[in-house]
C-alpha atoms as a PDB file:
ATOM      1  CA  MET A   1    -103.341 101.914  69.070  1.00  0.00           C
ATOM      2  CA  SER A   2    -102.057  98.628  70.359  1.00  0.00           C
ATOM      3  CA  LYS A   3    -105.614  97.325  70.588  1.00  0.00           C
ATOM      4  CA  GLN A   4    -106.180  98.269  66.932  1.00  0.00           C
ATOM      5  CA  ASN A   5    -102.979  96.515  65.915  1.00  0.00           C
ATOM      6  CA  GLU A   6    -103.977  93.466  67.916  1.00  0.00           C
ATOM      7  CA  THR A   7    -107.431  93.411  66.336  1.00  0.00           C
ATOM      8  CA  GLY A   8    -105.995  93.949  62.860  1.00  0.00           C
ATOM      9  CA  GLY A   9    -103.465  91.167  63.438  1.00  0.00           C
ATOM     10  CA  LYS A  10    -106.179  88.732  64.497  1.00  0.00           C
ATOM     11  CA  VAL A  11    -108.273  89.567  61.415  1.00  0.00           C
ATOM     12  CA  ARG A  12    -105.232  89.076  59.189  1.00  0.00           C
ATOM     13  CA  VAL A  13    -104.441  85.723  60.814  1.00  0.00           C
ATOM     14  CA  LYS A  14    -108.034  84.568  60.365  1.00  0.00           C
ATOM     15  CA  ARG A  15    -107.995  85.638  56.722  1.00  0.00           C
ATOM     16  CA  ILE A  16    -104.709  83.811  56.084  1.00  0.00           C
ATOM     17  CA  SER A  17    -105.970  80.648  57.777  1.00  0.00           C
ATOM     18  CA  LYS A  18    -109.194  80.853  55.752  1.00  0.00           C
ATOM     19  CA  ASP A  19    -107.209  81.241  52.521  1.00  0.00           C
ATOM     20  CA  ASN A  20    -105.018  78.299  53.477  1.00  0.00           C
ATOM     21  CA  MET A  21    -108.081  76.159  54.140  1.00  0.00           C
ATOM     22  CA  GLN A  22    -109.606  77.089  50.777  1.00  0.00           C
ATOM     23  CA  ALA A  23    -106.353  76.313  49.002  1.00  0.00           C
ATOM     24  CA  PHE A  24    -106.090  72.975  50.803  1.00  0.00           C
ATOM     25  CA  LEU A  25    -109.667  72.034  49.869  1.00  0.00           C
ATOM     26  CA  MET A  26    -108.997  72.919  46.236  1.00  0.00           C
ATOM     27  CA  ILE A  27    -105.939  70.655  45.954  1.00  0.00           C
ATOM     28  CA  LEU A  28    -107.408  67.898  48.156  1.00  0.00           C
ATOM     29  CA  PRO A  29    -108.937  65.864  45.270  1.00  0.00           C
ATOM     30  CA  PHE A  30    -105.601  65.918  43.396  1.00  0.00           C
ATOM     31  CA  LEU A  31    -103.747  65.050  46.598  1.00  0.00           C
ATOM     32  CA  ILE A  32    -106.015  62.068  47.221  1.00  0.00           C
ATOM     33  CA  GLY A  33    -105.560  60.891  43.626  1.00  0.00           C
ATOM     34  CA  PHE A  34    -101.781  61.285  43.913  1.00  0.00           C
ATOM     35  CA  ILE A  35    -101.696  59.206  47.100  1.00  0.00           C
ATOM     36  CA  ILE A  36    -103.959  56.491  45.675  1.00  0.00           C
ATOM     37  CA  PHE A  37    -102.182  56.150  42.334  1.00  0.00           C
ATOM     38  CA  SER A  38     -98.602  56.786  43.507  1.00  0.00           C
ATOM     39  CA  TYR A  39     -97.989  55.808  47.114  1.00  0.00           C
ATOM     40  CA  VAL A  40    -100.471  52.927  47.364  1.00  0.00           C
ATOM     41  CA  PRO A  41     -98.867  51.033  44.418  1.00  0.00           C
ATOM     42  CA  ILE A  42     -95.423  51.608  45.980  1.00  0.00           C
ATOM     43  CA  VAL A  43     -96.590  50.070  49.254  1.00  0.00           C
ATOM     44  CA  TYR A  44     -98.201  47.226  47.269  1.00  0.00           C
ATOM     45  CA  ILE A  45     -94.927  46.509  45.441  1.00  0.00           C
ATOM     46  CA  LEU A  46     -92.873  46.618  48.639  1.00  0.00           C
ATOM     47  CA  ARG A  47     -95.335  44.278  50.332  1.00  0.00           C
ATOM     48  CA  TYR A  48     -95.224  41.533  47.679  1.00  0.00           C
ATOM     49  CA  ALA A  49     -91.607  41.846  46.457  1.00  0.00           C
ATOM     50  CA  PHE A  50     -90.475  39.491  49.216  1.00  0.00           C
ATOM     51  CA  THR A  51     -93.239  36.919  48.754  1.00  0.00           C
ATOM     52  CA  ASN A  52     -94.345  34.154  46.425  1.00  0.00           C
ATOM     53  CA  TYR A  53     -97.775  35.379  45.325  1.00  0.00           C
ATOM     54  CA  THR A  54     -99.772  34.481  42.229  1.00  0.00           C
ATOM     55  CA  GLY A  55    -102.875  36.547  42.944  1.00  0.00           C
ATOM     56  CA  PHE A  56    -104.725  33.595  44.487  1.00  0.00           C
ATOM     57  CA  GLY A  57    -104.509  32.342  48.016  1.00  0.00           C
ATOM     58  CA  ASP A  58    -102.118  33.700  50.593  1.00  0.00           C
ATOM     59  CA  ALA A  59     -98.783  35.340  49.881  1.00  0.00           C
ATOM     60  CA  LYS A  60     -95.911  33.217  51.218  1.00  0.00           C
ATOM     61  CA  PHE A  61     -92.938  35.135  52.558  1.00  0.00           C
ATOM     62  CA  THR A  62     -89.776  34.025  50.745  1.00  0.00           C
ATOM     63  CA  GLY A  63     -87.283  36.662  51.851  1.00  0.00           C
ATOM     64  CA  LEU A  64     -84.717  37.460  49.163  1.00  0.00           C
ATOM     65  CA  ALA A  65     -85.563  34.451  46.978  1.00  0.00           C
ATOM     66  CA  ASN A  66     -87.103  36.602  44.223  1.00  0.00           C
ATOM     67  CA  PHE A  67     -84.024  38.822  44.058  1.00  0.00           C
ATOM     68  CA  VAL A  68     -81.665  35.833  44.034  1.00  0.00           C
ATOM     69  CA  ARG A  69     -83.618  34.398  41.111  1.00  0.00           C
ATOM     70  CA  ILE A  70     -83.421  37.721  39.222  1.00  0.00           C
ATOM     71  CA  PHE A  71     -79.654  38.025  39.610  1.00  0.00           C
ATOM     72  CA  GLN A  72     -78.803  34.360  39.081  1.00  0.00           C
ATOM     73  CA  ARG A  73     -81.425  32.819  36.807  1.00  0.00           C
ATOM     74  CA  GLU A  74     -83.107  35.596  34.819  1.00  0.00           C
ATOM     75  CA  PRO A  75     -80.959  36.680  31.831  1.00  0.00           C
ATOM     76  CA  ASP A  76     -84.059  37.764  29.896  1.00  0.00           C
ATOM     77  CA  PHE A  77     -84.817  40.460  32.469  1.00  0.00           C
ATOM     78  CA  TRP A  78     -81.324  41.935  32.145  1.00  0.00           C
ATOM     79  CA  MET A  79     -81.540  41.721  28.353  1.00  0.00           C
ATOM     80  CA  SER A  80     -84.795  43.674  28.490  1.00  0.00           C
ATOM     81  CA  LEU A  81     -83.046  46.271  30.663  1.00  0.00           C
ATOM     82  CA  VAL A  82     -80.222  46.539  28.109  1.00  0.00           C
ATOM     83  CA  ASN A  83     -82.800  46.926  25.326  1.00  0.00           C
ATOM     84  CA  THR A  84     -84.421  49.739  27.300  1.00  0.00           C
ATOM     85  CA  VAL A  85     -81.130  51.604  27.680  1.00  0.00           C
ATOM     86  CA  VAL A  86     -80.160  51.113  24.013  1.00  0.00           C
ATOM     87  CA  LEU A  87     -83.585  52.236  22.784  1.00  0.00           C
ATOM     88  CA  SER A  88     -83.550  55.259  25.109  1.00  0.00           C
ATOM     89  CA  LEU A  89     -80.069  56.416  24.108  1.00  0.00           C
ATOM     90  CA  GLY A  90     -80.761  55.936  20.409  1.00  0.00           C
ATOM     91  CA  LYS A  91     -84.062  57.791  20.370  1.00  0.00           C
ATOM     92  CA  LEU A  92     -82.877  60.646  22.610  1.00  0.00           C
ATOM     93  CA  ALA A  93     -79.862  61.240  20.345  1.00  0.00           C
ATOM     94  CA  VAL A  94     -82.365  62.086  17.585  1.00  0.00           C
ATOM     95  CA  GLU A  95     -85.374  63.337  19.544  1.00  0.00           C
ATOM     96  CA  ILE A  96     -83.788  66.106  21.645  1.00  0.00           C
ATOM     97  CA  PRO A  97     -81.765  67.809  18.838  1.00  0.00           C
ATOM     98  CA  LEU A  98     -84.789  67.513  16.513  1.00  0.00           C
ATOM     99  CA  ALA A  99     -87.124  69.079  19.083  1.00  0.00           C
ATOM    100  CA  LEU A 100     -84.663  71.923  19.765  1.00  0.00           C
ATOM    101  CA  LEU A 101     -84.096  72.570  16.052  1.00  0.00           C
ATOM    102  CA  LEU A 102     -87.842  72.725  15.344  1.00  0.00           C
ATOM    103  CA  ALA A 103     -88.375  74.999  18.357  1.00  0.00           C
ATOM    104  CA  VAL A 104     -85.711  77.419  17.065  1.00  0.00           C
ATOM    105  CA  PHE A 105     -87.399  77.615  13.652  1.00  0.00           C
ATOM    106  CA  LEU A 106     -90.904  77.910  15.097  1.00  0.00           C
ATOM    107  CA  ASN A 107     -89.746  80.701  17.402  1.00  0.00           C
ATOM    108  CA  LYS A 108     -89.187  82.937  14.377  1.00  0.00           C
ATOM    109  CA  LYS A 109     -91.907  85.326  13.220  1.00  0.00           C
ATOM    110  CA  LEU A 110     -92.845  83.582   9.999  1.00  0.00           C
ATOM    111  CA  LYS A 111     -96.129  83.176   8.146  1.00  0.00           C
ATOM    112  CA  GLY A 112     -98.125  80.093   9.091  1.00  0.00           C
ATOM    113  CA  VAL A 113     -95.893  79.270  12.065  1.00  0.00           C
ATOM    114  CA  SER A 114     -98.930  78.680  14.308  1.00  0.00           C
ATOM    115  CA  PHE A 115    -100.214  76.014  11.914  1.00  0.00           C
ATOM    116  CA  PHE A 116     -96.898  74.153  12.034  1.00  0.00           C
ATOM    117  CA  ARG A 117     -96.753  74.407  15.828  1.00  0.00           C
ATOM    118  CA  VAL A 118    -100.114  72.667  16.127  1.00  0.00           C
ATOM    119  CA  THR A 119     -99.357  70.116  13.392  1.00  0.00           C
ATOM    120  CA  LEU A 120     -95.967  69.109  14.789  1.00  0.00           C
ATOM    121  CA  PHE A 121     -97.366  68.843  18.317  1.00  0.00           C
ATOM    122  CA  MET A 122    -100.272  66.560  17.330  1.00  0.00           C
ATOM    123  CA  PRO A 123     -98.406  63.209  17.707  1.00  0.00           C
ATOM    124  CA  ALA A 124     -97.890  64.029  21.400  1.00  0.00           C
ATOM    125  CA  ILE A 125    -101.642  63.863  22.073  1.00  0.00           C
ATOM    126  CA  ILE A 126    -102.151  60.504  20.348  1.00  0.00           C
ATOM    127  CA  SER A 127    -102.194  57.412  22.535  1.00  0.00           C
ATOM    128  CA  ALA A 128     -98.943  55.434  22.538  1.00  0.00           C
ATOM    129  CA  ALA A 129    -100.929  52.251  21.855  1.00  0.00           C
ATOM    130  CA  ILE A 130    -102.423  53.799  18.704  1.00  0.00           C
ATOM    131  CA  ILE A 131     -99.005  55.030  17.557  1.00  0.00           C
ATOM    132  CA  GLY A 132     -97.589  51.535  18.001  1.00  0.00           C
ATOM    133  CA  LEU A 133    -100.454  50.080  15.960  1.00  0.00           C
ATOM    134  CA  ILE A 134     -99.970  52.708  13.230  1.00  0.00           C
ATOM    135  CA  PHE A 135     -96.274  51.904  12.852  1.00  0.00           C
ATOM    136  CA  SER A 136     -96.871  48.146  12.929  1.00  0.00           C
ATOM    137  CA  LEU A 137     -99.284  48.601  10.006  1.00  0.00           C
ATOM    138  CA  LEU A 138     -96.988  51.034   8.154  1.00  0.00           C
ATOM    139  CA  PHE A 139     -94.107  48.558   8.309  1.00  0.00           C
ATOM    140  CA  ALA A 140     -96.205  45.432   7.785  1.00  0.00           C
ATOM    141  CA  SER A 141     -94.301  42.775   5.854  1.00  0.00           C
ATOM    142  CA  TYR A 142     -96.383  42.444   2.696  1.00  0.00           C
ATOM    143  CA  ASN A 143     -99.184  45.018   2.640  1.00  0.00           C
ATOM    144  CA  GLY A 144     -97.498  47.850   4.548  1.00  0.00           C
ATOM    145  CA  MET A 145     -97.322  51.357   3.104  1.00  0.00           C
ATOM    146  CA  ILE A 146     -93.529  51.617   3.528  1.00  0.00           C
ATOM    147  CA  ASN A 147     -92.889  48.470   1.475  1.00  0.00           C
ATOM    148  CA  SER A 148     -95.322  49.658  -1.200  1.00  0.00           C
ATOM    149  CA  MET A 149     -93.606  53.057  -1.443  1.00  0.00           C
ATOM    150  CA  LEU A 150     -90.119  51.529  -1.653  1.00  0.00           C
ATOM    151  CA  GLN A 151     -91.254  49.097  -4.357  1.00  0.00           C
ATOM    152  CA  ASN A 152     -92.945  51.859  -6.369  1.00  0.00           C
ATOM    153  CA  LEU A 153     -89.754  53.922  -6.221  1.00  0.00           C
ATOM    154  CA  GLY A 154     -87.730  50.928  -7.373  1.00  0.00           C
ATOM    155  CA  ILE A 155     -85.572  50.863  -4.223  1.00  0.00           C
ATOM    156  CA  ILE A 156     -86.531  47.271  -3.391  1.00  0.00           C
ATOM    157  CA  THR A 157     -87.808  44.434  -5.573  1.00  0.00           C
ATOM    158  CA  LYS A 158     -89.566  42.383  -2.911  1.00  0.00           C
ATOM    159  CA  PRO A 159     -91.199  43.290   0.417  1.00  0.00           C
ATOM    160  CA  ILE A 160     -89.001  43.551   3.503  1.00  0.00           C
ATOM    161  CA  ASN A 161     -89.994  41.759   6.686  1.00  0.00           C
ATOM    162  CA  TRP A 162     -89.283  44.636   9.095  1.00  0.00           C
ATOM    163  CA  PHE A 163     -89.980  42.623  12.219  1.00  0.00           C
ATOM    164  CA  ASN A 164     -87.985  39.457  11.574  1.00  0.00           C
ATOM    165  CA  THR A 165     -84.737  40.740  13.152  1.00  0.00           C
ATOM    166  CA  LYS A 166     -84.040  42.560  16.382  1.00  0.00           C
ATOM    167  CA  SER A 167     -82.114  45.423  14.772  1.00  0.00           C
ATOM    168  CA  LYS A 168     -84.886  46.351  12.329  1.00  0.00           C
ATOM    169  CA  ALA A 169     -87.636  45.981  14.931  1.00  0.00           C
ATOM    170  CA  MET A 170     -85.697  48.162  17.405  1.00  0.00           C
ATOM    171  CA  LEU A 171     -85.166  50.755  14.664  1.00  0.00           C
ATOM    172  CA  ILE A 172     -88.924  50.939  14.052  1.00  0.00           C
ATOM    173  CA  LEU A 173     -89.568  51.274  17.787  1.00  0.00           C
ATOM    174  CA  GLY A 174     -87.063  54.114  17.912  1.00  0.00           C
ATOM    175  CA  ILE A 175     -88.686  55.928  14.988  1.00  0.00           C
ATOM    176  CA  ALA A 176     -92.150  55.511  16.517  1.00  0.00           C
ATOM    177  CA  SER A 177     -90.971  56.758  19.906  1.00  0.00           C
ATOM    178  CA  VAL A 178     -89.269  59.817  18.404  1.00  0.00           C
ATOM    179  CA  TRP A 179     -92.426  60.642  16.420  1.00  0.00           C
ATOM    180  CA  GLN A 180     -94.499  60.336  19.586  1.00  0.00           C
ATOM    181  CA  ASN A 181     -92.344  62.473  21.897  1.00  0.00           C
ATOM    182  CA  TYR A 182     -90.522  65.131  19.894  1.00  0.00           C
ATOM    183  CA  GLY A 183     -93.638  67.366  19.870  1.00  0.00           C
ATOM    184  CA  ILE A 184     -93.927  67.813  23.638  1.00  0.00           C
ATOM    185  CA  ASN A 185     -90.185  68.484  23.954  1.00  0.00           C
ATOM    186  CA  MET A 186     -90.440  70.972  21.106  1.00  0.00           C
ATOM    187  CA  ILE A 187     -93.109  72.904  23.035  1.00  0.00           C
ATOM    188  CA  PHE A 188     -90.958  72.918  26.187  1.00  0.00           C
ATOM    189  CA  PHE A 189     -87.987  74.260  24.217  1.00  0.00           C
ATOM    190  CA  LEU A 190     -90.218  76.828  22.530  1.00  0.00           C
ATOM    191  CA  MET A 191     -91.381  78.126  25.920  1.00  0.00           C
ATOM    192  CA  ALA A 192     -87.745  78.359  27.044  1.00  0.00           C
ATOM    193  CA  LEU A 193     -86.731  80.253  23.897  1.00  0.00           C
ATOM    194  CA  GLN A 194     -89.568  82.743  24.286  1.00  0.00           C
ATOM    195  CA  SER A 195     -88.367  83.591  27.793  1.00  0.00           C
ATOM    196  CA  ILE A 196     -84.989  84.858  26.505  1.00  0.00           C
ATOM    197  CA  PRO A 197     -84.862  88.694  26.447  1.00  0.00           C
ATOM    198  CA  LYS A 198     -84.752  90.015  22.867  1.00  0.00           C
ATOM    199  CA  GLU A 199     -82.293  92.723  23.955  1.00  0.00           C
ATOM    200  CA  LEU A 200     -79.533  90.112  24.174  1.00  0.00           C
ATOM    201  CA  TYR A 201     -79.866  89.277  20.481  1.00  0.00           C
ATOM    202  CA  GLU A 202     -80.049  92.969  19.562  1.00  0.00           C
ATOM    203  CA  CYS A 203     -76.813  93.665  21.438  1.00  0.00           C
ATOM    204  CA  ALA A 204     -75.189  90.647  19.801  1.00  0.00           C
ATOM    205  CA  ALA A 205     -76.273  91.900  16.362  1.00  0.00           C
ATOM    206  CA  ILE A 206     -74.679  95.271  17.046  1.00  0.00           C
ATOM    207  CA  ASP A 207     -71.426  93.487  17.923  1.00  0.00           C
ATOM    208  CA  GLY A 208     -71.628  91.582  14.639  1.00  0.00           C
ATOM    209  CA  ALA A 209     -72.502  88.137  16.069  1.00  0.00           C
ATOM    210  CA  THR A 210     -73.830  85.688  13.492  1.00  0.00           C
ATOM    211  CA  GLY A 211     -76.740  83.227  13.855  1.00  0.00           C
ATOM    212  CA  PRO A 212     -74.719  80.157  14.934  1.00  0.00           C
ATOM    213  CA  LYS A 213     -72.638  82.260  17.328  1.00  0.00           C
ATOM    214  CA  CYS A 214     -75.798  83.679  18.930  1.00  0.00           C
ATOM    215  CA  PHE A 215     -77.173  80.159  19.269  1.00  0.00           C
ATOM    216  CA  PHE A 216     -74.141  78.750  21.093  1.00  0.00           C
ATOM    217  CA  LYS A 217     -73.252  81.862  23.097  1.00  0.00           C
ATOM    218  CA  ILE A 218     -76.725  83.155  24.025  1.00  0.00           C
ATOM    219  CA  THR A 219     -79.507  80.665  23.306  1.00  0.00           C
ATOM    220  CA  LEU A 220     -78.001  77.489  24.764  1.00  0.00           C
ATOM    221  CA  PRO A 221     -76.657  79.110  27.976  1.00  0.00           C
ATOM    222  CA  MET A 222     -79.958  80.904  28.588  1.00  0.00           C
ATOM    223  CA  ILE A 223     -82.098  77.765  28.219  1.00  0.00           C
ATOM    224  CA  ALA A 224     -79.595  75.480  30.007  1.00  0.00           C
ATOM    225  CA  PRO A 225     -81.616  75.115  33.276  1.00  0.00           C
ATOM    226  CA  ILE A 226     -84.804  74.252  31.371  1.00  0.00           C
ATOM    227  CA  PHE A 227     -82.808  72.035  28.997  1.00  0.00           C
ATOM    228  CA  GLN A 228     -81.613  70.064  32.028  1.00  0.00           C
ATOM    229  CA  SER A 229     -85.195  69.437  33.198  1.00  0.00           C
ATOM    230  CA  ILE A 230     -86.425  68.550  29.696  1.00  0.00           C
ATOM    231  CA  LEU A 231     -83.614  66.052  29.193  1.00  0.00           C
ATOM    232  CA  LEU A 232     -84.198  64.466  32.606  1.00  0.00           C
ATOM    233  CA  MET A 233     -87.914  63.993  31.908  1.00  0.00           C
ATOM    234  CA  ALA A 234     -87.106  62.583  28.464  1.00  0.00           C
ATOM    235  CA  ILE A 235     -84.598  60.101  29.916  1.00  0.00           C
ATOM    236  CA  VAL A 236     -86.956  58.844  32.626  1.00  0.00           C
ATOM    237  CA  GLY A 237     -89.892  58.714  30.201  1.00  0.00           C
ATOM    238  CA  SER A 238     -87.833  56.736  27.678  1.00  0.00           C
ATOM    239  CA  LEU A 239     -86.730  54.226  30.302  1.00  0.00           C
ATOM    240  CA  LYS A 240     -90.390  53.648  31.257  1.00  0.00           C
ATOM    241  CA  VAL A 241     -91.670  52.961  27.730  1.00  0.00           C
ATOM    242  CA  CYS A 242     -94.169  50.096  27.686  1.00  0.00           C
ATOM    243  CA  ASP A 243     -97.446  50.415  25.755  1.00  0.00           C
ATOM    244  CA  LEU A 244     -95.720  51.529  22.545  1.00  0.00           C
ATOM    245  CA  VAL A 245     -93.631  48.337  22.484  1.00  0.00           C
ATOM    246  CA  ILE A 246     -96.575  46.075  23.323  1.00  0.00           C
ATOM    247  CA  SER A 247     -98.770  47.501  20.555  1.00  0.00           C
ATOM    248  CA  CYS A 248     -96.004  47.657  17.933  1.00  0.00           C
ATOM    249  CA  THR A 249     -93.809  44.536  18.309  1.00  0.00           C
ATOM    250  CA  ASN A 250     -95.031  42.891  21.538  1.00  0.00           C
ATOM    251  CA  GLY A 251     -91.439  41.817  22.111  1.00  0.00           C
ATOM    252  CA  GLN A 252     -91.043  40.069  18.767  1.00  0.00           C
ATOM    253  CA  PRO A 253     -89.110  38.518  17.168  1.00  0.00           C
ATOM    254  CA  GLY A 254     -88.748  35.870  19.829  1.00  0.00           C
ATOM    255  CA  GLY A 255     -88.878  38.309  22.731  1.00  0.00           C
ATOM    256  CA  THR A 256     -85.695  40.110  21.608  1.00  0.00           C
ATOM    257  CA  THR A 257     -87.350  43.555  21.663  1.00  0.00           C
ATOM    258  CA  GLU A 258     -88.761  43.258  25.148  1.00  0.00           C
ATOM    259  CA  VAL A 259     -88.086  46.306  27.302  1.00  0.00           C
ATOM    260  CA  VAL A 260     -88.015  46.149  31.067  1.00  0.00           C
ATOM    261  CA  MET A 261     -91.541  47.489  31.592  1.00  0.00           C
ATOM    262  CA  THR A 262     -93.131  45.053  29.133  1.00  0.00           C
ATOM    263  CA  TYR A 263     -91.218  42.185  30.729  1.00  0.00           C
ATOM    264  CA  ILE A 264     -92.518  43.128  34.190  1.00  0.00           C
ATOM    265  CA  TYR A 265     -96.034  43.676  32.856  1.00  0.00           C
ATOM    266  CA  LYS A 266     -96.190  40.225  31.258  1.00  0.00           C
ATOM    267  CA  SER A 267     -94.902  38.558  34.417  1.00  0.00           C
ATOM    268  CA  PHE A 268     -97.337  40.502  36.582  1.00  0.00           C
ATOM    269  CA  PHE A 269    -100.445  39.664  34.537  1.00  0.00           C
ATOM    270  CA  GLY A 270     -99.367  36.353  33.000  1.00  0.00           C
ATOM    271  CA  LYS A 271     -99.283  37.516  29.388  1.00  0.00           C
ATOM    272  CA  SER A 272     -97.608  35.801  26.398  1.00  0.00           C
ATOM    273  CA  GLY A 273     -97.876  32.345  27.950  1.00  0.00           C
ATOM    274  CA  ARG A 274     -96.193  33.256  31.235  1.00  0.00           C
ATOM    275  CA  ASN A 275     -97.463  32.337  34.670  1.00  0.00           C
ATOM    276  CA  ILE A 276     -98.884  35.035  36.923  1.00  0.00           C
ATOM    277  CA  GLU A 277     -96.079  35.852  39.367  1.00  0.00           C
ATOM    278  CA  ILE A 278     -97.059  39.007  41.224  1.00  0.00           C
ATOM    279  CA  GLY A 279     -94.390  38.613  43.894  1.00  0.00           C
ATOM    280  CA  TYR A 280     -91.616  38.033  41.386  1.00  0.00           C
ATOM    281  CA  ALA A 281     -92.806  40.880  39.136  1.00  0.00           C
ATOM    282  CA  SER A 282     -92.902  43.182  42.178  1.00  0.00           C
ATOM    283  CA  ALA A 283     -89.265  42.352  42.895  1.00  0.00           C
ATOM    284  CA  MET A 284     -88.327  43.188  39.291  1.00  0.00           C
ATOM    285  CA  ALA A 285     -90.285  46.440  39.540  1.00  0.00           C
ATOM    286  CA  LEU A 286     -88.394  47.337  42.720  1.00  0.00           C
ATOM    287  CA  ILE A 287     -85.028  46.717  41.042  1.00  0.00           C
ATOM    288  CA  THR A 288     -86.132  48.786  38.043  1.00  0.00           C
ATOM    289  CA  ALA A 289     -87.198  51.649  40.336  1.00  0.00           C
ATOM    290  CA  ILE A 290     -83.773  51.569  42.009  1.00  0.00           C
ATOM    291  CA  PHE A 291     -82.114  51.612  38.580  1.00  0.00           C
ATOM    292  CA  LEU A 292     -84.187  54.643  37.518  1.00  0.00           C
ATOM    293  CA  GLY A 293     -83.293  56.369  40.782  1.00  0.00           C
ATOM    294  CA  ILE A 294     -79.583  55.721  40.223  1.00  0.00           C
ATOM    295  CA  VAL A 295     -79.774  57.075  36.652  1.00  0.00           C
ATOM    296  CA  THR A 296     -81.558  60.205  37.913  1.00  0.00           C
ATOM    297  CA  ILE A 297     -79.010  60.808  40.698  1.00  0.00           C
ATOM    298  CA  ILE A 298     -76.063  60.323  38.307  1.00  0.00           C
ATOM    299  CA  TYR A 299     -77.620  62.730  35.812  1.00  0.00           C
ATOM    300  CA  LEU A 300     -78.303  65.399  38.436  1.00  0.00           C
ATOM    301  CA  LYS A 301     -74.798  65.095  39.901  1.00  0.00           C
ATOM    302  CA  ALA A 302     -73.226  65.236  36.429  1.00  0.00           C
ATOM    303  CA  THR A 303     -75.174  68.348  35.441  1.00  0.00           C
ATOM    304  CA  LYS A 304     -74.398  69.993  38.790  1.00  0.00           C
ATOM    305  CA  LYS A 305     -70.683  69.278  38.303  1.00  0.00           C
ATOM    306  CA  LEU A 306     -70.885  70.705  34.792  1.00  0.00           C
ATOM    307  CA  LYS A 307     -72.443  73.912  36.134  1.00  0.00           C
ATOM    308  CA  GLU A 308     -69.691  74.236  38.733  1.00  0.00           C
ATOM    309  CA  LEU A 309     -67.007  73.838  36.029  1.00  0.00           C
ATOM    310  CA  GLU A 310     -68.711  76.443  33.840  1.00  0.00           C
ATOM    311  CA  GLY A 311     -69.027  78.770  36.827  1.00  0.00           C
END
């Protein structure tokens, strides 16, 4: 009997090890890609953040000189960081409630709801660069569709230059970003709503609970953990916006709509008349990564504290 158990145990161990090997081989290509495109760039940034390197010749070690320059002589970088935060807060204040509201309506058993799910999700699969180009053409100063519509309706008498002030340009960026991202958040919320047991709503209906009461007492508490993850991803994604800004305003007017990622990108590759400063751009990228990490930690601690208070 013991011999049979021993033999059976060996066979089971061999099978488990074989399954583990197969699983490892299946995820190996993705693991290699993750290492190449995630960890290698991090090492690259850490290597050059403390050097003066322009992409040609040898990198000269400068210690903390890049960081001193950022904190003492680079107001444009900090302005771009402020723009990033303002744009993120503004768009998320509209994007998240809009996505949740649409998900609640699309979760109902109505005719044609599948069509609207697909239609509303479509902007999420369009390239950010294309979306930026679309909105730059829509709000073009003299031949844009928005100006033509407003003039035809008699709202304005002459075309508006939408990109000649920071406030209007930032507003357009916010609208474009909301249009791009609300669809994916809507799908996440829809998945969360569909995981709520229907029995809870049936019991609430028996007790005479109305729609708004069910939403605040059942729906929101039940999707709270997923809501936390969705909001975190939306915050981090908003703070990393880059290609949408480049294709829509490219920092105009006068660089006032630069966000932190576009500012780093232009310094890294020498765009918009700037010199190629890979070492300096790496230092800015490192500071930005630390900032994103701090925002993430604060958010997680705040949500954890909120859960403890609710508990």
